[in-house]
Amino acid sequence: MLEQGKAYFVSGISTEIGKTVVSAILVEAFQADYWKPVQSGDLHFSDTMKVEKWISNTKTVFHPEQFCLKTPMSPHASAEIDNITIQLSDFHLPKTSNTLIIEGAGGLLVPLNDKDCIIDLIQHLQVEVIVVSQHYLGSINHTLLSIEALKARNIPIKGIVFNGDEHPSTEAIIQKMADVPILFRLNQLEEISAQQIQKFVKSI
């Protein structure tokens, strides 16, 4: 599914879509490295800490965040509160020969500053994207808009991951209209743990 040594950016169609769980699954399945460029809020239990807790392999390296912002808001607003200016030139891919999973913040058009968004960071890093979609009223629109935005900039898309209970008609129309591979679907997990992540990895 993923190529050894390549970097993949996990982005969602909105916030709280399941990017961190999907990232953990990919990290565990491919014993990949993990990097969260920007963490906004929840510094006591960051996404890096969550993935580290949920995986079991000993090969994964967790690369430090470029920015750890105190307030759980859009990065541009959180950075302003911390009196920090985020610039694309601040970001460089971690040096590794391993596969690298990069987890974004929210959706593609979440601002990093007053001119750049997450999609600009993806373009700056020159990496392939995995789009995480979750079923809710409006998710077809949000998913197709995300795919269209990536295609408009010629950003390569590895595929879509559906998070949540199966919704065949929604998944079918997204796959047909987006013309992007479906990598896998993650049923809603009642509890997220290393054991659950391992169990799911064995099924894909």
N, C-alpha and C. Protein backbone atom coordinates (compact mmCIF):
# COMPACT_ATOMS: atom_id res chain seq x y z
N MET A 1 0.83 -1.21 0.00
CA MET A 1 0.00 0.00 0.00
C MET A 1 0.86 1.26 0.00
N LEU A 2 1.84 1.32 0.94
CA LEU A 2 2.78 2.45 0.99
C LEU A 2 4.15 1.99 0.57
N GLU A 3 4.90 2.89 -0.05
CA GLU A 3 6.24 2.56 -0.53
C GLU A 3 7.27 2.86 0.54
N GLN A 4 8.22 1.95 0.69
CA GLN A 4 9.27 2.10 1.68
C GLN A 4 10.08 3.37 1.37
N GLY A 5 10.31 4.16 2.41
CA GLY A 5 11.16 5.34 2.27
C GLY A 5 10.46 6.60 1.81
N LYS A 6 9.16 6.51 1.48
CA LYS A 6 8.43 7.69 1.04
C LYS A 6 7.71 8.35 2.22
N ALA A 7 7.35 9.62 2.03
CA ALA A 7 6.63 10.37 3.05
C ALA A 7 5.18 10.57 2.61
N TYR A 8 4.26 10.42 3.55
CA TYR A 8 2.83 10.56 3.27
C TYR A 8 2.21 11.50 4.30
N PHE A 9 1.41 12.43 3.80
CA PHE A 9 0.77 13.43 4.65
C PHE A 9 -0.68 13.03 4.88
N VAL A 10 -1.06 12.79 6.13
CA VAL A 10 -2.42 12.40 6.47
C VAL A 10 -3.21 13.67 6.79
N SER A 11 -4.21 13.96 5.96
CA SER A 11 -5.04 15.15 6.15
C SER A 11 -6.50 14.74 6.20
N GLY A 12 -7.30 15.48 6.94
CA GLY A 12 -8.72 15.17 7.06
C GLY A 12 -9.59 16.11 6.26
N ILE A 13 -10.86 15.74 6.11
CA ILE A 13 -11.81 16.62 5.41
C ILE A 13 -12.33 17.69 6.36
N SER A 14 -12.02 17.55 7.66
CA SER A 14 -12.36 18.53 8.67
C SER A 14 -11.54 18.17 9.91
N THR A 15 -11.89 18.76 11.05
CA THR A 15 -11.21 18.42 12.29
C THR A 15 -11.95 17.28 13.00
N GLU A 16 -11.23 16.58 13.89
CA GLU A 16 -11.81 15.46 14.65
C GLU A 16 -12.39 14.40 13.72
N ILE A 17 -11.65 14.07 12.69
CA ILE A 17 -12.09 13.12 11.67
C ILE A 17 -11.48 11.74 11.87
N GLY A 18 -10.39 11.67 12.62
CA GLY A 18 -9.73 10.38 12.85
C GLY A 18 -8.33 10.31 12.28
N LYS A 19 -7.72 11.46 12.00
CA LYS A 19 -6.37 11.46 11.43
C LYS A 19 -5.36 10.75 12.32
N THR A 20 -5.48 10.97 13.63
CA THR A 20 -4.48 10.41 14.54
C THR A 20 -4.58 8.89 14.61
N VAL A 21 -5.80 8.37 14.65
CA VAL A 21 -5.98 6.91 14.67
C VAL A 21 -5.49 6.30 13.36
N VAL A 22 -5.85 6.92 12.23
CA VAL A 22 -5.40 6.42 10.93
C VAL A 22 -3.87 6.49 10.85
N SER A 23 -3.30 7.57 11.34
CA SER A 23 -1.83 7.69 11.35
C SER A 23 -1.20 6.57 12.16
N ALA A 24 -1.79 6.27 13.33
CA ALA A 24 -1.25 5.20 14.18
C ALA A 24 -1.32 3.85 13.46
N ILE A 25 -2.42 3.60 12.76
CA ILE A 25 -2.56 2.35 12.02
C ILE A 25 -1.48 2.24 10.94
N LEU A 26 -1.28 3.31 10.21
CA LEU A 26 -0.27 3.30 9.15
C LEU A 26 1.14 3.15 9.73
N VAL A 27 1.39 3.84 10.83
CA VAL A 27 2.71 3.74 11.48
C VAL A 27 2.96 2.31 11.93
N GLU A 28 1.95 1.68 12.53
CA GLU A 28 2.12 0.32 13.03
C GLU A 28 2.22 -0.68 11.88
N ALA A 29 1.38 -0.51 10.86
CA ALA A 29 1.35 -1.46 9.74
C ALA A 29 2.68 -1.48 8.98
N PHE A 30 3.29 -0.31 8.85
CA PHE A 30 4.51 -0.21 8.03
C PHE A 30 5.75 0.09 8.87
N GLN A 31 5.60 0.05 10.19
CA GLN A 31 6.69 0.38 11.10
C GLN A 31 7.36 1.68 10.65
N ALA A 32 6.52 2.62 10.32
CA ALA A 32 6.97 3.90 9.77
C ALA A 32 7.32 4.88 10.88
N ASP A 33 8.06 5.91 10.52
CA ASP A 33 8.31 7.03 11.43
C ASP A 33 7.07 7.92 11.45
N TYR A 34 7.00 8.79 12.46
CA TYR A 34 5.84 9.67 12.62
C TYR A 34 6.31 11.09 12.89
N TRP A 35 5.58 12.06 12.29
CA TRP A 35 5.90 13.47 12.51
C TRP A 35 4.62 14.30 12.49
N LYS A 36 4.42 15.08 13.51
CA LYS A 36 3.31 16.04 13.58
C LYS A 36 3.95 17.43 13.52
N PRO A 37 3.93 18.11 12.37
CA PRO A 37 4.62 19.40 12.25
C PRO A 37 4.10 20.46 13.21
N VAL A 38 2.77 20.53 13.38
CA VAL A 38 2.19 21.56 14.24
C VAL A 38 1.18 20.93 15.19
N GLN A 39 1.40 21.11 16.49
CA GLN A 39 0.46 20.67 17.51
C GLN A 39 -0.15 21.90 18.15
N SER A 40 -1.47 22.02 18.07
CA SER A 40 -2.17 23.15 18.69
C SER A 40 -2.98 22.66 19.88
N GLY A 41 -2.54 23.01 21.07
CA GLY A 41 -3.24 22.60 22.28
C GLY A 41 -2.98 21.15 22.65
N ASP A 42 -3.55 20.74 23.78
CA ASP A 42 -3.41 19.36 24.28
C ASP A 42 -1.96 18.92 24.40
N LEU A 43 -1.12 19.83 24.84
CA LEU A 43 0.31 19.50 24.93
C LEU A 43 0.59 18.45 25.99
N HIS A 44 -0.35 18.26 26.92
CA HIS A 44 -0.19 17.23 27.96
C HIS A 44 -0.45 15.83 27.41
N PHE A 45 -1.17 15.75 26.28
CA PHE A 45 -1.43 14.47 25.62
C PHE A 45 -1.56 14.74 24.12
N SER A 46 -0.44 15.06 23.52
CA SER A 46 -0.40 15.47 22.11
C SER A 46 -0.68 14.29 21.20
N ASP A 47 -0.87 14.58 19.92
CA ASP A 47 -1.09 13.50 18.95
C ASP A 47 0.12 12.59 18.86
N THR A 48 1.31 13.15 18.98
CA THR A 48 2.52 12.32 18.99
C THR A 48 2.49 11.35 20.17
N MET A 49 2.10 11.84 21.33
CA MET A 49 2.01 10.98 22.52
C MET A 49 0.97 9.88 22.33
N LYS A 50 -0.15 10.23 21.70
CA LYS A 50 -1.21 9.25 21.46
C LYS A 50 -0.71 8.13 20.55
N VAL A 51 -0.10 8.49 19.43
CA VAL A 51 0.39 7.48 18.49
C VAL A 51 1.45 6.62 19.16
N GLU A 52 2.31 7.26 19.93
CA GLU A 52 3.36 6.52 20.63
C GLU A 52 2.74 5.50 21.60
N LYS A 53 1.64 5.87 22.22
CA LYS A 53 0.95 4.97 23.15
C LYS A 53 0.26 3.83 22.44
N TRP A 54 -0.20 4.08 21.22
CA TRP A 54 -1.04 3.10 20.51
C TRP A 54 -0.26 2.11 19.65
N ILE A 55 1.02 2.34 19.42
CA ILE A 55 1.75 1.41 18.57
C ILE A 55 2.63 0.49 19.40
N SER A 56 3.06 -0.62 18.78
CA SER A 56 3.80 -1.64 19.52
C SER A 56 5.18 -1.93 18.94
N ASN A 57 5.43 -1.53 17.69
CA ASN A 57 6.72 -1.88 17.10
C ASN A 57 7.83 -1.01 17.71
N THR A 58 9.05 -1.48 17.57
CA THR A 58 10.20 -0.77 18.16
C THR A 58 11.03 -0.03 17.11
N LYS A 59 10.59 -0.07 15.86
CA LYS A 59 11.35 0.57 14.79
C LYS A 59 10.99 2.05 14.61
N THR A 60 9.76 2.39 14.90
CA THR A 60 9.26 3.75 14.66
C THR A 60 10.05 4.79 15.44
N VAL A 61 10.40 5.87 14.75
CA VAL A 61 11.02 7.03 15.38
C VAL A 61 9.99 8.16 15.37
N PHE A 62 9.82 8.81 16.51
CA PHE A 62 8.91 9.94 16.62
C PHE A 62 9.70 11.24 16.53
N HIS A 63 9.51 11.94 15.44
CA HIS A 63 10.26 13.17 15.23
C HIS A 63 9.55 14.34 15.92
N PRO A 64 10.30 15.24 16.54
CA PRO A 64 9.68 16.32 17.33
C PRO A 64 8.90 17.30 16.47
N GLU A 65 7.85 17.83 17.04
CA GLU A 65 7.04 18.84 16.36
C GLU A 65 7.88 20.08 16.07
N GLN A 66 7.57 20.73 14.97
CA GLN A 66 8.22 22.01 14.68
C GLN A 66 7.64 23.11 15.57
N PHE A 67 6.32 23.04 15.79
CA PHE A 67 5.65 24.01 16.65
C PHE A 67 4.72 23.29 17.62
N CYS A 68 4.85 23.61 18.91
CA CYS A 68 3.93 23.14 19.93
C CYS A 68 3.24 24.38 20.50
N LEU A 69 1.99 24.58 20.12
CA LEU A 69 1.25 25.78 20.48
C LEU A 69 0.30 25.47 21.62
N LYS A 70 0.12 26.41 22.51
CA LYS A 70 -0.58 26.13 23.77
C LYS A 70 -2.09 26.05 23.64
N THR A 71 -2.67 26.82 22.71
CA THR A 71 -4.13 26.95 22.67
C THR A 71 -4.73 26.05 21.59
N PRO A 72 -5.80 25.30 21.92
CA PRO A 72 -6.43 24.42 20.92
C PRO A 72 -7.29 25.22 19.94
N MET A 73 -6.63 25.87 19.02
CA MET A 73 -7.29 26.68 17.99
C MET A 73 -6.59 26.42 16.66
N SER A 74 -7.07 27.06 15.61
CA SER A 74 -6.37 27.02 14.33
C SER A 74 -4.92 27.48 14.55
N PRO A 75 -3.94 26.84 13.91
CA PRO A 75 -2.54 27.19 14.16
C PRO A 75 -2.22 28.67 14.03
N HIS A 76 -2.84 29.35 13.08
CA HIS A 76 -2.51 30.78 12.91
C HIS A 76 -2.93 31.57 14.15
N ALA A 77 -4.09 31.25 14.73
CA ALA A 77 -4.59 31.96 15.90
C ALA A 77 -3.82 31.56 17.15
N SER A 78 -3.55 30.26 17.28
CA SER A 78 -2.81 29.77 18.43
C SER A 78 -1.39 30.34 18.44
N ALA A 79 -0.78 30.41 17.26
CA ALA A 79 0.57 30.97 17.15
C ALA A 79 0.59 32.45 17.52
N GLU A 80 -0.45 33.17 17.12
CA GLU A 80 -0.53 34.59 17.45
C GLU A 80 -0.61 34.80 18.97
N ILE A 81 -1.37 33.94 19.65
CA ILE A 81 -1.47 34.02 21.10
C ILE A 81 -0.10 33.78 21.74
N ASP A 82 0.66 32.85 21.16
CA ASP A 82 2.00 32.52 21.68
C ASP A 82 3.07 33.47 21.17
N ASN A 83 2.65 34.51 20.42
CA ASN A 83 3.57 35.49 19.85
C ASN A 83 4.61 34.84 18.93
N ILE A 84 4.10 33.91 18.10
CA ILE A 84 4.93 33.18 17.14
C ILE A 84 4.37 33.39 15.75
N THR A 85 5.25 33.49 14.77
CA THR A 85 4.83 33.54 13.37
C THR A 85 5.30 32.26 12.68
N ILE A 86 4.36 31.52 12.14
CA ILE A 86 4.69 30.29 11.42
C ILE A 86 4.95 30.62 9.95
N GLN A 87 6.06 30.14 9.42
CA GLN A 87 6.38 30.33 8.01
C GLN A 87 6.71 28.98 7.38
N LEU A 88 6.40 28.84 6.11
CA LEU A 88 6.67 27.56 5.43
C LEU A 88 8.15 27.21 5.46
N SER A 89 9.00 28.22 5.44
CA SER A 89 10.45 27.98 5.44
C SER A 89 10.93 27.35 6.75
N ASP A 90 10.07 27.35 7.78
CA ASP A 90 10.43 26.72 9.05
C ASP A 90 10.40 25.19 8.97
N PHE A 91 9.74 24.66 7.95
CA PHE A 91 9.47 23.23 7.89
C PHE A 91 10.41 22.51 6.92
N HIS A 92 10.99 21.43 7.40
CA HIS A 92 11.82 20.55 6.58
C HIS A 92 11.51 19.11 6.98
N LEU A 93 11.44 18.24 6.00
CA LEU A 93 11.18 16.83 6.31
C LEU A 93 12.27 16.28 7.23
N PRO A 94 11.90 15.54 8.26
CA PRO A 94 12.91 14.90 9.11
C PRO A 94 13.79 13.96 8.28
N LYS A 95 15.04 13.87 8.65
CA LYS A 95 15.95 12.99 7.94
C LYS A 95 15.74 11.56 8.41
N THR A 96 15.30 10.72 7.48
CA THR A 96 15.08 9.31 7.78
C THR A 96 15.07 8.53 6.47
N SER A 97 15.51 7.29 6.54
CA SER A 97 15.42 6.40 5.38
C SER A 97 14.15 5.55 5.47
N ASN A 98 13.42 5.72 6.55
CA ASN A 98 12.21 4.94 6.77
C ASN A 98 11.01 5.63 6.12
N THR A 99 9.92 4.90 5.95
CA THR A 99 8.66 5.50 5.54
C THR A 99 8.25 6.50 6.62
N LEU A 100 7.68 7.63 6.21
CA LEU A 100 7.33 8.69 7.16
C LEU A 100 5.85 9.04 7.03
N ILE A 101 5.15 8.98 8.16
CA ILE A 101 3.75 9.41 8.23
C ILE A 101 3.72 10.79 8.88
N ILE A 102 3.18 11.76 8.14
CA ILE A 102 3.07 13.13 8.63
C ILE A 102 1.60 13.40 8.91
N GLU A 103 1.28 13.85 10.11
CA GLU A 103 -0.11 14.15 10.43
C GLU A 103 -0.36 15.65 10.43
N GLY A 104 -1.35 16.06 9.67
CA GLY A 104 -1.69 17.47 9.57
C GLY A 104 -2.53 17.95 10.74
N ALA A 105 -3.01 19.18 10.61
CA ALA A 105 -3.88 19.79 11.63
C ALA A 105 -5.19 20.18 10.94
N GLY A 106 -6.28 19.51 11.30
CA GLY A 106 -7.56 19.82 10.67
C GLY A 106 -7.57 19.50 9.19
N GLY A 107 -8.25 20.35 8.42
CA GLY A 107 -8.37 20.13 6.98
C GLY A 107 -7.33 20.88 6.17
N LEU A 108 -7.47 20.82 4.87
CA LEU A 108 -6.47 21.37 3.96
C LEU A 108 -6.35 22.89 4.01
N LEU A 109 -7.45 23.58 4.29
CA LEU A 109 -7.43 25.03 4.27
C LEU A 109 -7.40 25.63 5.67
N VAL A 110 -6.91 24.88 6.62
CA VAL A 110 -6.65 25.43 7.95
C VAL A 110 -5.44 26.35 7.86
N PRO A 111 -5.58 27.61 8.30
CA PRO A 111 -4.47 28.57 8.13
C PRO A 111 -3.31 28.33 9.10
N LEU A 112 -2.11 28.50 8.57
CA LEU A 112 -0.90 28.50 9.39
C LEU A 112 -0.48 29.92 9.74
N ASN A 113 -0.79 30.84 8.84
CA ASN A 113 -0.53 32.26 9.03
C ASN A 113 -1.56 33.01 8.17
N ASP A 114 -1.32 34.28 7.87
CA ASP A 114 -2.34 35.03 7.13
C ASP A 114 -2.30 34.83 5.62
N LYS A 115 -1.44 33.90 5.16
CA LYS A 115 -1.41 33.63 3.72
C LYS A 115 -1.25 32.15 3.37
N ASP A 116 -0.75 31.35 4.29
CA ASP A 116 -0.49 29.94 4.00
C ASP A 116 -1.39 29.03 4.81
N CYS A 117 -1.82 27.94 4.18
CA CYS A 117 -2.66 26.93 4.83
C CYS A 117 -1.95 25.58 4.82
N ILE A 118 -2.59 24.59 5.41
CA ILE A 118 -2.02 23.23 5.45
C ILE A 118 -1.70 22.74 4.04
N ILE A 119 -2.54 23.06 3.07
CA ILE A 119 -2.29 22.60 1.70
C ILE A 119 -1.00 23.20 1.15
N ASP A 120 -0.67 24.42 1.57
CA ASP A 120 0.58 25.04 1.16
C ASP A 120 1.78 24.33 1.79
N LEU A 121 1.60 23.87 3.04
CA LEU A 121 2.65 23.10 3.71
C LEU A 121 2.88 21.78 2.97
N ILE A 122 1.80 21.13 2.58
CA ILE A 122 1.93 19.87 1.82
C ILE A 122 2.70 20.11 0.54
N GLN A 123 2.36 21.18 -0.16
CA GLN A 123 3.04 21.51 -1.41
C GLN A 123 4.52 21.83 -1.16
N HIS A 124 4.78 22.53 -0.07
CA HIS A 124 6.15 22.88 0.31
C HIS A 124 6.99 21.62 0.59
N LEU A 125 6.38 20.65 1.26
CA LEU A 125 7.10 19.42 1.62
C LEU A 125 7.21 18.44 0.46
N GLN A 126 6.36 18.64 -0.56
CA GLN A 126 6.36 17.79 -1.77
C GLN A 126 6.14 16.32 -1.41
N VAL A 127 5.01 16.07 -0.74
CA VAL A 127 4.69 14.71 -0.32
C VAL A 127 3.32 14.31 -0.85
N GLU A 128 3.08 13.01 -0.80
CA GLU A 128 1.81 12.45 -1.24
C GLU A 128 0.80 12.52 -0.10
N VAL A 129 -0.48 12.61 -0.43
CA VAL A 129 -1.51 12.83 0.59
C VAL A 129 -2.44 11.62 0.74
N ILE A 130 -2.77 11.31 1.98
CA ILE A 130 -3.81 10.35 2.32
C ILE A 130 -4.94 11.15 2.96
N VAL A 131 -6.12 11.10 2.36
CA VAL A 131 -7.26 11.88 2.84
C VAL A 131 -8.13 11.01 3.74
N VAL A 132 -8.39 11.48 4.95
CA VAL A 132 -9.26 10.76 5.88
C VAL A 132 -10.65 11.39 5.82
N SER A 133 -11.65 10.56 5.50
CA SER A 133 -13.03 11.01 5.42
C SER A 133 -13.85 10.29 6.47
N GLN A 134 -14.83 10.99 7.02
CA GLN A 134 -15.72 10.40 8.01
C GLN A 134 -17.16 10.67 7.59
N HIS A 135 -18.03 9.72 7.80
CA HIS A 135 -19.41 9.87 7.33
C HIS A 135 -20.24 10.77 8.25
N TYR A 136 -20.77 11.84 7.68
CA TYR A 136 -21.73 12.72 8.34
C TYR A 136 -22.43 13.50 7.24
N LEU A 137 -23.53 14.14 7.56
CA LEU A 137 -24.25 14.91 6.55
C LEU A 137 -23.36 16.05 6.06
N GLY A 138 -23.01 16.02 4.79
CA GLY A 138 -22.10 17.01 4.22
C GLY A 138 -20.72 16.47 3.93
N SER A 139 -20.46 15.22 4.36
CA SER A 139 -19.10 14.68 4.19
C SER A 139 -18.76 14.40 2.72
N ILE A 140 -19.77 14.11 1.90
CA ILE A 140 -19.49 13.91 0.47
C ILE A 140 -18.93 15.20 -0.12
N ASN A 141 -19.61 16.30 0.17
CA ASN A 141 -19.16 17.60 -0.31
C ASN A 141 -17.75 17.93 0.19
N HIS A 142 -17.51 17.73 1.49
CA HIS A 142 -16.21 18.06 2.06
C HIS A 142 -15.10 17.18 1.50
N THR A 143 -15.41 15.91 1.27
CA THR A 143 -14.41 15.00 0.73
C THR A 143 -14.06 15.36 -0.72
N LEU A 144 -15.09 15.59 -1.52
CA LEU A 144 -14.85 15.91 -2.93
C LEU A 144 -14.17 17.27 -3.09
N LEU A 145 -14.51 18.22 -2.23
CA LEU A 145 -13.83 19.52 -2.27
C LEU A 145 -12.35 19.37 -1.91
N SER A 146 -12.06 18.54 -0.93
CA SER A 146 -10.66 18.30 -0.55
C SER A 146 -9.88 17.68 -1.69
N ILE A 147 -10.47 16.67 -2.33
CA ILE A 147 -9.81 16.00 -3.46
C ILE A 147 -9.61 17.00 -4.60
N GLU A 148 -10.63 17.82 -4.88
CA GLU A 148 -10.54 18.80 -5.96
C GLU A 148 -9.44 19.82 -5.68
N ALA A 149 -9.32 20.26 -4.44
CA ALA A 149 -8.29 21.23 -4.07
C ALA A 149 -6.89 20.66 -4.29
N LEU A 150 -6.70 19.40 -3.93
CA LEU A 150 -5.39 18.75 -4.12
C LEU A 150 -5.09 18.59 -5.61
N LYS A 151 -6.08 18.14 -6.37
CA LYS A 151 -5.87 17.94 -7.80
C LYS A 151 -5.59 19.25 -8.52
N ALA A 152 -6.23 20.34 -8.07
CA ALA A 152 -6.03 21.64 -8.70
C ALA A 152 -4.58 22.10 -8.59
N ARG A 153 -3.88 21.63 -7.57
CA ARG A 153 -2.47 21.99 -7.37
C ARG A 153 -1.52 20.88 -7.81
N ASN A 154 -2.08 19.85 -8.43
CA ASN A 154 -1.27 18.72 -8.89
C ASN A 154 -0.52 18.04 -7.74
N ILE A 155 -1.15 18.02 -6.58
CA ILE A 155 -0.57 17.32 -5.43
C ILE A 155 -0.99 15.86 -5.50
N PRO A 156 -0.04 14.94 -5.48
CA PRO A 156 -0.39 13.52 -5.63
C PRO A 156 -1.19 13.01 -4.44
N ILE A 157 -2.22 12.20 -4.73
CA ILE A 157 -3.10 11.64 -3.71
C ILE A 157 -2.92 10.13 -3.69
N LYS A 158 -2.49 9.61 -2.56
CA LYS A 158 -2.32 8.15 -2.44
C LYS A 158 -3.67 7.45 -2.36
N GLY A 159 -4.62 8.06 -1.67
CA GLY A 159 -5.94 7.46 -1.57
C GLY A 159 -6.74 8.02 -0.42
N ILE A 160 -7.91 7.45 -0.23
CA ILE A 160 -8.84 7.87 0.82
C ILE A 160 -8.98 6.76 1.85
N VAL A 161 -9.06 7.15 3.11
CA VAL A 161 -9.42 6.22 4.19
C VAL A 161 -10.76 6.68 4.76
N PHE A 162 -11.73 5.77 4.83
CA PHE A 162 -13.01 6.08 5.44
C PHE A 162 -12.97 5.66 6.90
N ASN A 163 -13.33 6.58 7.77
CA ASN A 163 -13.35 6.31 9.21
C ASN A 163 -14.79 6.30 9.69
N GLY A 164 -15.20 5.20 10.31
CA GLY A 164 -16.56 5.09 10.82
C GLY A 164 -17.29 3.92 10.20
N ASP A 165 -18.49 3.68 10.68
CA ASP A 165 -19.27 2.55 10.19
C ASP A 165 -19.56 2.68 8.70
N GLU A 166 -19.68 1.56 8.04
CA GLU A 166 -19.82 1.51 6.58
C GLU A 166 -21.08 2.25 6.12
N HIS A 167 -20.89 3.01 5.02
CA HIS A 167 -22.01 3.70 4.38
C HIS A 167 -21.81 3.53 2.87
N PRO A 168 -22.27 2.39 2.32
CA PRO A 168 -21.94 2.01 0.94
C PRO A 168 -22.25 3.07 -0.11
N SER A 169 -23.42 3.70 -0.05
CA SER A 169 -23.78 4.65 -1.10
C SER A 169 -22.87 5.88 -1.07
N THR A 170 -22.53 6.34 0.13
CA THR A 170 -21.63 7.48 0.27
C THR A 170 -20.24 7.13 -0.26
N GLU A 171 -19.73 5.99 0.15
CA GLU A 171 -18.39 5.57 -0.27
C GLU A 171 -18.33 5.36 -1.78
N ALA A 172 -19.40 4.80 -2.34
CA ALA A 172 -19.43 4.51 -3.77
C ALA A 172 -19.41 5.79 -4.61
N ILE A 173 -20.21 6.78 -4.22
CA ILE A 173 -20.27 8.01 -5.02
C ILE A 173 -18.99 8.82 -4.87
N ILE A 174 -18.38 8.80 -3.68
CA ILE A 174 -17.10 9.49 -3.50
C ILE A 174 -16.04 8.84 -4.37
N GLN A 175 -15.98 7.51 -4.35
CA GLN A 175 -14.97 6.81 -5.14
C GLN A 175 -15.17 7.09 -6.63
N LYS A 176 -16.41 7.08 -7.08
CA LYS A 176 -16.69 7.30 -8.50
C LYS A 176 -16.36 8.73 -8.93
N MET A 177 -16.77 9.71 -8.14
CA MET A 177 -16.59 11.10 -8.54
C MET A 177 -15.18 11.61 -8.28
N ALA A 178 -14.53 11.10 -7.24
CA ALA A 178 -13.17 11.54 -6.92
C ALA A 178 -12.14 10.84 -7.80
N ASP A 179 -12.46 9.60 -8.21
CA ASP A 179 -11.53 8.80 -9.00
C ASP A 179 -10.18 8.67 -8.29
N VAL A 180 -10.26 8.31 -7.02
CA VAL A 180 -9.09 8.14 -6.17
C VAL A 180 -9.22 6.80 -5.46
N PRO A 181 -8.14 6.04 -5.29
CA PRO A 181 -8.24 4.73 -4.64
C PRO A 181 -8.75 4.83 -3.20
N ILE A 182 -9.49 3.83 -2.78
CA ILE A 182 -9.89 3.69 -1.38
C ILE A 182 -8.87 2.75 -0.73
N LEU A 183 -8.14 3.23 0.26
CA LEU A 183 -7.09 2.42 0.88
C LEU A 183 -7.67 1.40 1.86
N PHE A 184 -8.52 1.86 2.74
CA PHE A 184 -9.23 0.95 3.66
C PHE A 184 -10.31 1.75 4.38
N ARG A 185 -11.16 1.02 5.10
CA ARG A 185 -12.18 1.65 5.93
C ARG A 185 -12.02 1.17 7.36
N LEU A 186 -12.06 2.11 8.27
CA LEU A 186 -11.90 1.82 9.69
C LEU A 186 -13.25 1.91 10.37
N ASN A 187 -13.77 0.80 10.86
CA ASN A 187 -15.00 0.84 11.64
C ASN A 187 -14.78 1.61 12.93
N GLN A 188 -15.84 2.23 13.42
CA GLN A 188 -15.73 3.02 14.65
C GLN A 188 -15.21 2.15 15.79
N LEU A 189 -14.10 2.57 16.38
CA LEU A 189 -13.52 1.81 17.49
C LEU A 189 -14.13 2.30 18.80
N GLU A 190 -14.64 1.35 19.60
CA GLU A 190 -15.21 1.72 20.90
C GLU A 190 -14.11 2.20 21.83
N GLU A 191 -12.98 1.58 21.72
CA GLU A 191 -11.83 1.96 22.56
C GLU A 191 -10.58 1.92 21.70
N ILE A 192 -9.77 2.95 21.81
CA ILE A 192 -8.53 2.99 21.05
C ILE A 192 -7.39 2.56 21.97
N SER A 193 -6.71 1.51 21.57
CA SER A 193 -5.60 0.98 22.37
C SER A 193 -4.60 0.33 21.42
N ALA A 194 -3.43 0.02 21.93
CA ALA A 194 -2.43 -0.68 21.12
C ALA A 194 -2.97 -2.01 20.62
N GLN A 195 -3.76 -2.69 21.45
CA GLN A 195 -4.32 -3.98 21.06
C GLN A 195 -5.31 -3.83 19.90
N GLN A 196 -6.15 -2.79 19.97
CA GLN A 196 -7.11 -2.54 18.90
C GLN A 196 -6.40 -2.15 17.60
N ILE A 197 -5.37 -1.35 17.71
CA ILE A 197 -4.61 -0.95 16.52
C ILE A 197 -3.96 -2.18 15.89
N GLN A 198 -3.34 -3.03 16.72
CA GLN A 198 -2.72 -4.25 16.20
C GLN A 198 -3.74 -5.16 15.54
N LYS A 199 -4.89 -5.29 16.16
CA LYS A 199 -5.95 -6.15 15.63
C LYS A 199 -6.40 -5.64 14.27
N PHE A 200 -6.55 -4.34 14.13
CA PHE A 200 -7.00 -3.80 12.85
C PHE A 200 -5.90 -3.95 11.79
N VAL A 201 -4.65 -3.72 12.17
CA VAL A 201 -3.53 -3.84 11.22
C VAL A 201 -3.50 -5.23 10.61
N LYS A 202 -3.79 -6.24 11.39
CA LYS A 202 -3.77 -7.62 10.90
C LYS A 202 -4.88 -7.89 9.90
N SER A 203 -5.92 -7.04 9.91
CA SER A 203 -7.07 -7.26 9.03
C SER A 203 -6.94 -6.56 7.68
N ILE A 204 -5.94 -5.70 7.54
CA ILE A 204 -5.82 -4.97 6.26
C ILE A 204 -4.69 -5.52 5.42
